[in-house]
Amino acid sequence: MAILDSDRADQPTAAGAVADHLAQMILSELAPGASLPSEADLAARYDVSRLTIREAVKLLEGRGLLVIARGRKAVVREPDGAAFADFLTSIIRYDPKGLFDLVEVRLSLEVQSATLAAKRATRAGIAAIESELQGMRDTVGAPGDLMTTEQEMGFHTHDVGFHEAVALASGNRVLGYLFEAMAQPLREGFFISRRGHERRGHTLHDTIDAHQRILDCIKTGNGRAAAEAMRLHLKDTERDIRVAVSQLALRPGPRS
C-alpha cells in the first residue's frame, strides 16, 4: 500500500505518513501490550523501506503510543496520564484559579460518572466504592478526635479512591482513565478544600455523610438522584475552596 503521492508538495515525510497510519491501527485494533508486526511486514504493507518503518516507530514512541525494547518488537504502551497529572498539579500549586477550573471539570465529569454508575455498577463496583468510604470512616476516627498529618493523608487518599471507584463503576473507560490520572492533583486540592471546610464549621464526618448519600443513590439505581447528590457535594467543595483561598490571600506576605 503506497501512502505518498510524490506529485504533492504538502505531503508529510514518508516516516510521518506511516506513523499516522500506524497510530490509527494502534488506537483502533491493538490492545496495550500487543506487539506491532515485524519491520519487514510493515515495510511490505506500506511499500517503504525498513529504515522508514524504524523512523515511524520512533515517532510513535515519542508520542507515547509505543515502547521499544532493544532487540524486540515495538509494543503498544499502556495509557499514561503522568503528563496530564503533572499539568493539573502545577496549576493547583501555583494558580488559585486552577482549583476552581478543576472543580468545574469535576462537575461535568463526576455528575456524569455518578449517573452512569447508578445504571451500570456491578456488585464488584459497588463493593469498591463501599470499601473506599469505609476507609474514610476508619481514618477519621470518632467525632472530636484530632487527626495526624498521616491520618489526613489517608483520609484524602480514600476520598480520591471513592471518586475514582465511582468513575470506574460507570463502565466508561475514558472516565476511569481520567480519574486515575487526576488522583494526585485531586489529593492536593482536597488538602486545601478541607481548610475551607473547617472554616465553614463543617467536619470530615459531614464529608462522609455526603459521600454516603451519593453511594446510596447509586446502590438504588437512581441516576438522577445520584447526579444531584454528586452535584451538591461538589458545589459544597467549591464553597470550601473559595473560603480557603480567601484566607490564604489575607495572610501577610514575607517582609523584605
C-alpha atoms as a PDB file:
ATOM      1  CA  MET A   1       0.000   0.000   0.000  1.00  0.00           C
ATOM      2  CA  ALA A   2       1.697   3.171  -1.183  1.00  0.00           C
ATOM      3  CA  ILE A   3       0.903   6.046   1.163  1.00  0.00           C
ATOM      4  CA  LEU A   4       2.541   9.067  -0.502  1.00  0.00           C
ATOM      5  CA  ASP A   5       1.692  10.970  -3.648  1.00  0.00           C
ATOM      6  CA  SER A   6       5.038  12.270  -4.943  1.00  0.00           C
ATOM      7  CA  ASP A   7       3.318  14.977  -7.043  1.00  0.00           C
ATOM      8  CA  ARG A   8       2.044  16.811  -3.970  1.00  0.00           C
ATOM      9  CA  ALA A   9       4.382  19.181  -2.146  1.00  0.00           C
ATOM     10  CA  ASP A  10       2.271  19.381   1.026  1.00  0.00           C
ATOM     11  CA  GLN A  11       2.611  15.687   1.895  1.00  0.00           C
ATOM     12  CA  PRO A  12       4.355  14.716   5.141  1.00  0.00           C
ATOM     13  CA  THR A  13       7.551  12.714   5.087  1.00  0.00           C
ATOM     14  CA  ALA A  14       7.243   9.003   4.396  1.00  0.00           C
ATOM     15  CA  ALA A  15       8.001   8.197   8.035  1.00  0.00           C
ATOM     16  CA  GLY A  16       5.408  10.723   9.232  1.00  0.00           C
ATOM     17  CA  ALA A  17       2.749   9.328   6.919  1.00  0.00           C
ATOM     18  CA  VAL A  18       3.470   5.765   8.031  1.00  0.00           C
ATOM     19  CA  ALA A  19       3.361   6.899  11.678  1.00  0.00           C
ATOM     20  CA  ASP A  20      -0.090   8.430  11.152  1.00  0.00           C
ATOM     21  CA  HIS A  21      -1.414   5.209   9.621  1.00  0.00           C
ATOM     22  CA  LEU A  22       0.139   3.093  12.361  1.00  0.00           C
ATOM     23  CA  ALA A  23      -1.327   5.357  15.040  1.00  0.00           C
ATOM     24  CA  GLN A  24      -4.817   4.724  13.637  1.00  0.00           C
ATOM     25  CA  MET A  25      -4.171   0.985  13.663  1.00  0.00           C
ATOM     26  CA  ILE A  26      -2.856   1.056  17.231  1.00  0.00           C
ATOM     27  CA  LEU A  27      -5.808   3.032  18.577  1.00  0.00           C
ATOM     28  CA  SER A  28      -8.468   1.042  16.747  1.00  0.00           C
ATOM     29  CA  GLU A  29      -7.107  -2.501  16.553  1.00  0.00           C
ATOM     30  CA  LEU A  30      -4.356  -3.202  19.087  1.00  0.00           C
ATOM     31  CA  ALA A  31      -4.647  -3.595  22.855  1.00  0.00           C
ATOM     32  CA  PRO A  32      -1.987  -2.359  25.307  1.00  0.00           C
ATOM     33  CA  GLY A  33       0.864  -4.882  25.424  1.00  0.00           C
ATOM     34  CA  ALA A  34       0.324  -6.102  21.861  1.00  0.00           C
ATOM     35  CA  SER A  35       3.317  -6.189  19.524  1.00  0.00           C
ATOM     36  CA  LEU A  36       3.481  -4.432  16.180  1.00  0.00           C
ATOM     37  CA  PRO A  37       4.028  -6.574  13.083  1.00  0.00           C
ATOM     38  CA  SER A  38       7.668  -7.030  12.089  1.00  0.00           C
ATOM     39  CA  GLU A  39       9.581  -4.298  10.255  1.00  0.00           C
ATOM     40  CA  ALA A  40       9.626  -6.462   7.128  1.00  0.00           C
ATOM     41  CA  ASP A  41       5.842  -6.952   7.199  1.00  0.00           C
ATOM     42  CA  LEU A  42       5.205  -3.242   7.763  1.00  0.00           C
ATOM     43  CA  ALA A  43       7.667  -2.251   5.027  1.00  0.00           C
ATOM     44  CA  ALA A  44       5.842  -4.525   2.578  1.00  0.00           C
ATOM     45  CA  ARG A  45       2.425  -3.276   3.698  1.00  0.00           C
ATOM     46  CA  TYR A  46       3.281   0.405   3.219  1.00  0.00           C
ATOM     47  CA  ASP A  47       5.706  -0.045   0.301  1.00  0.00           C
ATOM     48  CA  VAL A  48       8.554   1.762   2.075  1.00  0.00           C
ATOM     49  CA  SER A  49      11.994   0.825   3.347  1.00  0.00           C
ATOM     50  CA  ARG A  50      12.626  -0.767   6.740  1.00  0.00           C
ATOM     51  CA  LEU A  51      14.552   2.388   7.682  1.00  0.00           C
ATOM     52  CA  THR A  52      11.362   4.411   7.135  1.00  0.00           C
ATOM     53  CA  ILE A  53       9.462   1.970   9.347  1.00  0.00           C
ATOM     54  CA  ARG A  54      12.065   2.395  12.111  1.00  0.00           C
ATOM     55  CA  GLU A  55      11.734   6.170  11.900  1.00  0.00           C
ATOM     56  CA  ALA A  56       7.924   5.921  12.031  1.00  0.00           C
ATOM     57  CA  VAL A  57       8.070   3.665  15.075  1.00  0.00           C
ATOM     58  CA  LYS A  58      10.402   6.111  16.840  1.00  0.00           C
ATOM     59  CA  LEU A  59       7.912   8.898  16.123  1.00  0.00           C
ATOM     60  CA  LEU A  60       5.166   6.854  17.741  1.00  0.00           C
ATOM     61  CA  GLU A  61       7.403   6.152  20.717  1.00  0.00           C
ATOM     62  CA  GLY A  62       7.796   9.899  21.081  1.00  0.00           C
ATOM     63  CA  ARG A  63       4.007  10.306  21.026  1.00  0.00           C
ATOM     64  CA  GLY A  64       3.732   7.839  23.898  1.00  0.00           C
ATOM     65  CA  LEU A  65       1.949   5.146  21.891  1.00  0.00           C
ATOM     66  CA  LEU A  66       4.756   2.562  21.768  1.00  0.00           C
ATOM     67  CA  VAL A  67       7.511   1.139  23.934  1.00  0.00           C
ATOM     68  CA  ILE A  68      10.655  -0.019  22.157  1.00  0.00           C
ATOM     69  CA  ALA A  69      12.826  -2.593  23.906  1.00  0.00           C
ATOM     70  CA  ARG A  70      16.259  -3.386  22.489  1.00  0.00           C
ATOM     71  CA  GLY A  71      16.177  -6.460  20.274  1.00  0.00           C
ATOM     72  CA  ARG A  72      12.380  -6.847  20.499  1.00  0.00           C
ATOM     73  CA  LYS A  73       9.326  -5.742  18.561  1.00  0.00           C
ATOM     74  CA  ALA A  74       7.685  -2.431  19.452  1.00  0.00           C
ATOM     75  CA  VAL A  75       4.868  -2.907  21.967  1.00  0.00           C
ATOM     76  CA  VAL A  76       1.705  -0.838  22.402  1.00  0.00           C
ATOM     77  CA  ARG A  77       2.105   1.218  25.544  1.00  0.00           C
ATOM     78  CA  GLU A  78      -0.324   1.247  28.447  1.00  0.00           C
ATOM     79  CA  PRO A  79      -2.112   4.631  28.669  1.00  0.00           C
ATOM     80  CA  ASP A  80      -0.098   7.014  30.848  1.00  0.00           C
ATOM     81  CA  GLY A  81      -1.683  10.090  32.385  1.00  0.00           C
ATOM     82  CA  ALA A  82       1.527  11.354  34.012  1.00  0.00           C
ATOM     83  CA  ALA A  83       1.811  14.463  31.834  1.00  0.00           C
ATOM     84  CA  PHE A  84      -1.844  15.348  32.430  1.00  0.00           C
ATOM     85  CA  ALA A  85      -1.439  14.829  36.176  1.00  0.00           C
ATOM     86  CA  ASP A  86       1.708  16.987  36.259  1.00  0.00           C
ATOM     87  CA  PHE A  87      -0.100  19.797  34.461  1.00  0.00           C
ATOM     88  CA  LEU A  88      -3.064  19.738  36.868  1.00  0.00           C
ATOM     89  CA  THR A  89      -0.789  19.585  39.905  1.00  0.00           C
ATOM     90  CA  SER A  90       1.222  22.574  38.723  1.00  0.00           C
ATOM     91  CA  ILE A  91      -1.797  24.818  38.173  1.00  0.00           C
ATOM     92  CA  ILE A  92      -3.239  23.859  41.564  1.00  0.00           C
ATOM     93  CA  ARG A  93       0.014  24.698  43.323  1.00  0.00           C
ATOM     94  CA  TYR A  94       0.774  27.975  41.598  1.00  0.00           C
ATOM     95  CA  ASP A  95      -2.561  29.397  40.445  1.00  0.00           C
ATOM     96  CA  PRO A  96      -5.569  29.545  42.793  1.00  0.00           C
ATOM     97  CA  LYS A  97      -7.872  29.794  39.772  1.00  0.00           C
ATOM     98  CA  GLY A  98      -6.713  26.314  38.836  1.00  0.00           C
ATOM     99  CA  LEU A  99      -8.606  24.944  41.833  1.00  0.00           C
ATOM    100  CA  PHE A 100     -11.861  26.382  40.507  1.00  0.00           C
ATOM    101  CA  ASP A 101     -11.074  25.201  36.981  1.00  0.00           C
ATOM    102  CA  LEU A 102     -10.637  21.690  38.334  1.00  0.00           C
ATOM    103  CA  VAL A 103     -13.964  21.829  40.212  1.00  0.00           C
ATOM    104  CA  GLU A 104     -15.705  22.940  37.004  1.00  0.00           C
ATOM    105  CA  VAL A 105     -14.258  19.950  35.170  1.00  0.00           C
ATOM    106  CA  ARG A 106     -15.222  17.649  38.033  1.00  0.00           C
ATOM    107  CA  LEU A 107     -18.808  18.922  37.945  1.00  0.00           C
ATOM    108  CA  SER A 108     -19.067  17.842  34.321  1.00  0.00           C
ATOM    109  CA  LEU A 109     -17.284  14.523  34.704  1.00  0.00           C
ATOM    110  CA  GLU A 110     -18.441  13.344  38.111  1.00  0.00           C
ATOM    111  CA  VAL A 111     -22.113  14.149  37.725  1.00  0.00           C
ATOM    112  CA  GLN A 112     -21.970  12.008  34.599  1.00  0.00           C
ATOM    113  CA  SER A 113     -19.981   9.231  36.284  1.00  0.00           C
ATOM    114  CA  ALA A 114     -22.484   9.097  39.189  1.00  0.00           C
ATOM    115  CA  THR A 115     -25.384   8.921  36.739  1.00  0.00           C
ATOM    116  CA  LEU A 116     -23.790   6.090  34.779  1.00  0.00           C
ATOM    117  CA  ALA A 117     -22.657   4.246  37.920  1.00  0.00           C
ATOM    118  CA  ALA A 118     -26.259   4.175  39.167  1.00  0.00           C
ATOM    119  CA  LYS A 119     -27.257   2.492  35.907  1.00  0.00           C
ATOM    120  CA  ARG A 120     -24.285   0.205  35.331  1.00  0.00           C
ATOM    121  CA  ALA A 121     -22.450  -0.539  38.573  1.00  0.00           C
ATOM    122  CA  THR A 122     -21.803  -4.228  39.218  1.00  0.00           C
ATOM    123  CA  ARG A 123     -21.602  -5.809  42.667  1.00  0.00           C
ATOM    124  CA  ALA A 124     -17.829  -5.546  42.474  1.00  0.00           C
ATOM    125  CA  GLY A 125     -18.096  -1.873  41.541  1.00  0.00           C
ATOM    126  CA  ILE A 126     -20.417  -1.156  44.481  1.00  0.00           C
ATOM    127  CA  ALA A 127     -18.091  -3.057  46.799  1.00  0.00           C
ATOM    128  CA  ALA A 128     -15.120  -0.963  45.650  1.00  0.00           C
ATOM    129  CA  ILE A 129     -16.996   2.282  46.386  1.00  0.00           C
ATOM    130  CA  GLU A 130     -18.095   0.965  49.788  1.00  0.00           C
ATOM    131  CA  SER A 131     -14.523  -0.042  50.621  1.00  0.00           C
ATOM    132  CA  GLU A 132     -13.187   3.465  49.991  1.00  0.00           C
ATOM    133  CA  LEU A 133     -15.982   5.018  52.043  1.00  0.00           C
ATOM    134  CA  GLN A 134     -15.221   2.647  54.916  1.00  0.00           C
ATOM    135  CA  GLY A 135     -11.564   3.616  54.611  1.00  0.00           C
ATOM    136  CA  MET A 136     -12.572   7.253  55.092  1.00  0.00           C
ATOM    137  CA  ARG A 137     -14.531   6.315  58.229  1.00  0.00           C
ATOM    138  CA  ASP A 138     -11.696   4.216  59.656  1.00  0.00           C
ATOM    139  CA  THR A 139      -9.176   7.005  59.106  1.00  0.00           C
ATOM    140  CA  VAL A 140     -11.134   9.895  60.605  1.00  0.00           C
ATOM    141  CA  GLY A 141     -11.980   8.138  63.887  1.00  0.00           C
ATOM    142  CA  ALA A 142     -14.586   9.394  66.350  1.00  0.00           C
ATOM    143  CA  PRO A 143     -16.024  12.938  66.298  1.00  0.00           C
ATOM    144  CA  GLY A 144     -13.690  15.326  68.110  1.00  0.00           C
ATOM    145  CA  ASP A 145     -10.569  13.205  67.629  1.00  0.00           C
ATOM    146  CA  LEU A 146      -7.522  15.130  66.430  1.00  0.00           C
ATOM    147  CA  MET A 147      -6.012  13.864  63.193  1.00  0.00           C
ATOM    148  CA  THR A 148      -2.340  13.471  62.452  1.00  0.00           C
ATOM    149  CA  THR A 149      -0.952  14.533  59.073  1.00  0.00           C
ATOM    150  CA  GLU A 150      -0.636  10.857  58.180  1.00  0.00           C
ATOM    151  CA  GLN A 151      -4.296  10.233  59.026  1.00  0.00           C
ATOM    152  CA  GLU A 152      -5.409  13.233  56.996  1.00  0.00           C
ATOM    153  CA  MET A 153      -3.373  11.989  54.032  1.00  0.00           C
ATOM    154  CA  GLY A 154      -5.026   8.592  54.400  1.00  0.00           C
ATOM    155  CA  PHE A 155      -8.470  10.178  54.514  1.00  0.00           C
ATOM    156  CA  HIS A 156      -7.863  12.138  51.325  1.00  0.00           C
ATOM    157  CA  THR A 157      -6.414   9.063  49.620  1.00  0.00           C
ATOM    158  CA  HIS A 158      -9.635   7.151  50.329  1.00  0.00           C
ATOM    159  CA  ASP A 159     -11.671  10.192  49.287  1.00  0.00           C
ATOM    160  CA  VAL A 160      -9.920  10.232  45.912  1.00  0.00           C
ATOM    161  CA  GLY A 161     -10.377   6.460  45.760  1.00  0.00           C
ATOM    162  CA  PHE A 162     -14.125   6.873  46.294  1.00  0.00           C
ATOM    163  CA  HIS A 163     -14.479   9.222  43.320  1.00  0.00           C
ATOM    164  CA  GLU A 164     -12.236   7.040  41.176  1.00  0.00           C
ATOM    165  CA  ALA A 165     -14.275   3.955  42.106  1.00  0.00           C
ATOM    166  CA  VAL A 166     -17.479   5.746  41.068  1.00  0.00           C
ATOM    167  CA  ALA A 167     -15.873   6.635  37.724  1.00  0.00           C
ATOM    168  CA  LEU A 168     -14.760   3.037  37.185  1.00  0.00           C
ATOM    169  CA  ALA A 169     -18.218   1.760  38.174  1.00  0.00           C
ATOM    170  CA  SER A 170     -19.672   3.937  35.405  1.00  0.00           C
ATOM    171  CA  GLY A 171     -18.308   1.452  32.890  1.00  0.00           C
ATOM    172  CA  ASN A 172     -16.848   4.292  30.823  1.00  0.00           C
ATOM    173  CA  ARG A 173     -13.146   3.621  30.248  1.00  0.00           C
ATOM    174  CA  VAL A 174     -12.345   7.256  29.458  1.00  0.00           C
ATOM    175  CA  LEU A 175     -13.816   8.431  32.777  1.00  0.00           C
ATOM    176  CA  GLY A 176     -11.856   5.757  34.617  1.00  0.00           C
ATOM    177  CA  TYR A 177      -8.628   6.753  32.896  1.00  0.00           C
ATOM    178  CA  LEU A 178      -9.141  10.455  33.615  1.00  0.00           C
ATOM    179  CA  PHE A 179      -9.690   9.874  37.321  1.00  0.00           C
ATOM    180  CA  GLU A 180      -6.642   7.659  37.600  1.00  0.00           C
ATOM    181  CA  ALA A 181      -4.623  10.494  36.053  1.00  0.00           C
ATOM    182  CA  MET A 182      -6.257  13.086  38.318  1.00  0.00           C
ATOM    183  CA  ALA A 183      -5.563  11.250  41.596  1.00  0.00           C
ATOM    184  CA  GLN A 184      -2.550  13.301  42.747  1.00  0.00           C
ATOM    185  CA  PRO A 185      -3.916  16.767  41.873  1.00  0.00           C
ATOM    186  CA  LEU A 186      -7.249  15.856  43.467  1.00  0.00           C
ATOM    187  CA  ARG A 187      -5.472  14.812  46.653  1.00  0.00           C
ATOM    188  CA  GLU A 188      -3.653  18.154  46.804  1.00  0.00           C
ATOM    189  CA  GLY A 189      -6.890  20.000  46.164  1.00  0.00           C
ATOM    190  CA  PHE A 190      -8.593  18.128  48.984  1.00  0.00           C
ATOM    191  CA  PHE A 191      -5.966  19.333  51.484  1.00  0.00           C
ATOM    192  CA  ILE A 192      -6.809  22.913  50.522  1.00  0.00           C
ATOM    193  CA  SER A 193     -10.586  22.489  50.475  1.00  0.00           C
ATOM    194  CA  ARG A 194     -10.536  20.902  53.920  1.00  0.00           C
ATOM    195  CA  ARG A 195      -9.211  24.174  55.388  1.00  0.00           C
ATOM    196  CA  GLY A 196     -12.230  25.994  53.999  1.00  0.00           C
ATOM    197  CA  HIS A 197     -14.472  23.150  55.161  1.00  0.00           C
ATOM    198  CA  GLU A 198     -13.301  23.676  58.740  1.00  0.00           C
ATOM    199  CA  ARG A 199     -13.628  27.469  58.469  1.00  0.00           C
ATOM    200  CA  ARG A 200     -17.252  26.998  57.496  1.00  0.00           C
ATOM    201  CA  GLY A 201     -17.869  24.949  60.624  1.00  0.00           C
ATOM    202  CA  HIS A 202     -18.052  21.539  58.984  1.00  0.00           C
ATOM    203  CA  THR A 203     -16.243  18.314  59.841  1.00  0.00           C
ATOM    204  CA  LEU A 204     -14.950  15.333  57.919  1.00  0.00           C
ATOM    205  CA  HIS A 205     -17.965  13.409  59.185  1.00  0.00           C
ATOM    206  CA  ASP A 206     -20.106  15.811  57.117  1.00  0.00           C
ATOM    207  CA  THR A 207     -17.930  14.897  54.127  1.00  0.00           C
ATOM    208  CA  ILE A 208     -18.505  11.212  54.818  1.00  0.00           C
ATOM    209  CA  ASP A 209     -22.267  11.770  55.019  1.00  0.00           C
ATOM    210  CA  ALA A 210     -22.212  13.496  51.605  1.00  0.00           C
ATOM    211  CA  HIS A 211     -20.366  10.537  50.110  1.00  0.00           C
ATOM    212  CA  GLN A 212     -22.803   8.116  51.744  1.00  0.00           C
ATOM    213  CA  ARG A 213     -25.717   9.901  50.070  1.00  0.00           C
ATOM    214  CA  ILE A 214     -24.025   9.507  46.694  1.00  0.00           C
ATOM    215  CA  LEU A 215     -23.426   5.813  47.332  1.00  0.00           C
ATOM    216  CA  ASP A 216     -27.000   5.210  48.493  1.00  0.00           C
ATOM    217  CA  CYS A 217     -28.370   6.698  45.266  1.00  0.00           C
ATOM    218  CA  ILE A 218     -26.013   4.590  43.174  1.00  0.00           C
ATOM    219  CA  LYS A 219     -26.999   1.428  45.038  1.00  0.00           C
ATOM    220  CA  THR A 220     -30.692   2.060  44.429  1.00  0.00           C
ATOM    221  CA  GLY A 221     -30.040   2.671  40.735  1.00  0.00           C
ATOM    222  CA  ASN A 222     -31.412   6.212  40.834  1.00  0.00           C
ATOM    223  CA  GLY A 223     -29.246   8.029  38.316  1.00  0.00           C
ATOM    224  CA  ARG A 224     -30.941  11.391  38.666  1.00  0.00           C
ATOM    225  CA  ALA A 225     -30.625  11.373  42.451  1.00  0.00           C
ATOM    226  CA  ALA A 226     -27.005  10.189  42.262  1.00  0.00           C
ATOM    227  CA  ALA A 227     -26.185  13.043  39.881  1.00  0.00           C
ATOM    228  CA  GLU A 228     -27.833  15.594  42.160  1.00  0.00           C
ATOM    229  CA  ALA A 229     -26.077  14.225  45.269  1.00  0.00           C
ATOM    230  CA  MET A 230     -22.731  14.471  43.464  1.00  0.00           C
ATOM    231  CA  ARG A 231     -23.500  17.973  42.187  1.00  0.00           C
ATOM    232  CA  LEU A 232     -24.411  19.221  45.678  1.00  0.00           C
ATOM    233  CA  HIS A 233     -21.241  17.698  47.121  1.00  0.00           C
ATOM    234  CA  LEU A 234     -19.035  19.347  44.501  1.00  0.00           C
ATOM    235  CA  LYS A 235     -20.741  22.728  44.837  1.00  0.00           C
ATOM    236  CA  ASP A 236     -20.076  22.471  48.574  1.00  0.00           C
ATOM    237  CA  THR A 237     -16.443  21.675  47.792  1.00  0.00           C
ATOM    238  CA  GLU A 238     -16.311  24.780  45.593  1.00  0.00           C
ATOM    239  CA  ARG A 239     -17.501  26.896  48.526  1.00  0.00           C
ATOM    240  CA  ASP A 240     -14.845  25.308  50.748  1.00  0.00           C
ATOM    241  CA  ILE A 241     -12.128  26.188  48.240  1.00  0.00           C
ATOM    242  CA  ARG A 242     -13.386  29.757  47.933  1.00  0.00           C
ATOM    243  CA  VAL A 243     -13.133  30.240  51.708  1.00  0.00           C
ATOM    244  CA  ALA A 244      -9.699  28.574  51.858  1.00  0.00           C
ATOM    245  CA  VAL A 245      -8.313  30.687  49.011  1.00  0.00           C
ATOM    246  CA  SER A 246      -9.675  33.900  50.523  1.00  0.00           C
ATOM    247  CA  GLN A 247      -7.955  33.084  53.815  1.00  0.00           C
ATOM    248  CA  LEU A 248      -4.667  32.455  52.032  1.00  0.00           C
ATOM    249  CA  ALA A 249      -4.982  35.802  50.266  1.00  0.00           C
ATOM    250  CA  LEU A 250      -5.447  37.585  53.583  1.00  0.00           C
ATOM    251  CA  ARG A 251      -2.227  36.194  55.045  1.00  0.00           C
ATOM    252  CA  PRO A 252       0.590  38.774  55.238  1.00  0.00           C
ATOM    253  CA  GLY A 253       3.386  38.182  52.796  1.00  0.00           C
ATOM    254  CA  PRO A 254       7.052  37.818  53.800  1.00  0.00           C
ATOM    255  CA  ARG A 255       8.717  41.006  54.942  1.00  0.00           C
ATOM    256  CA  SER A 256      11.661  42.290  52.943  1.00  0.00           C
END
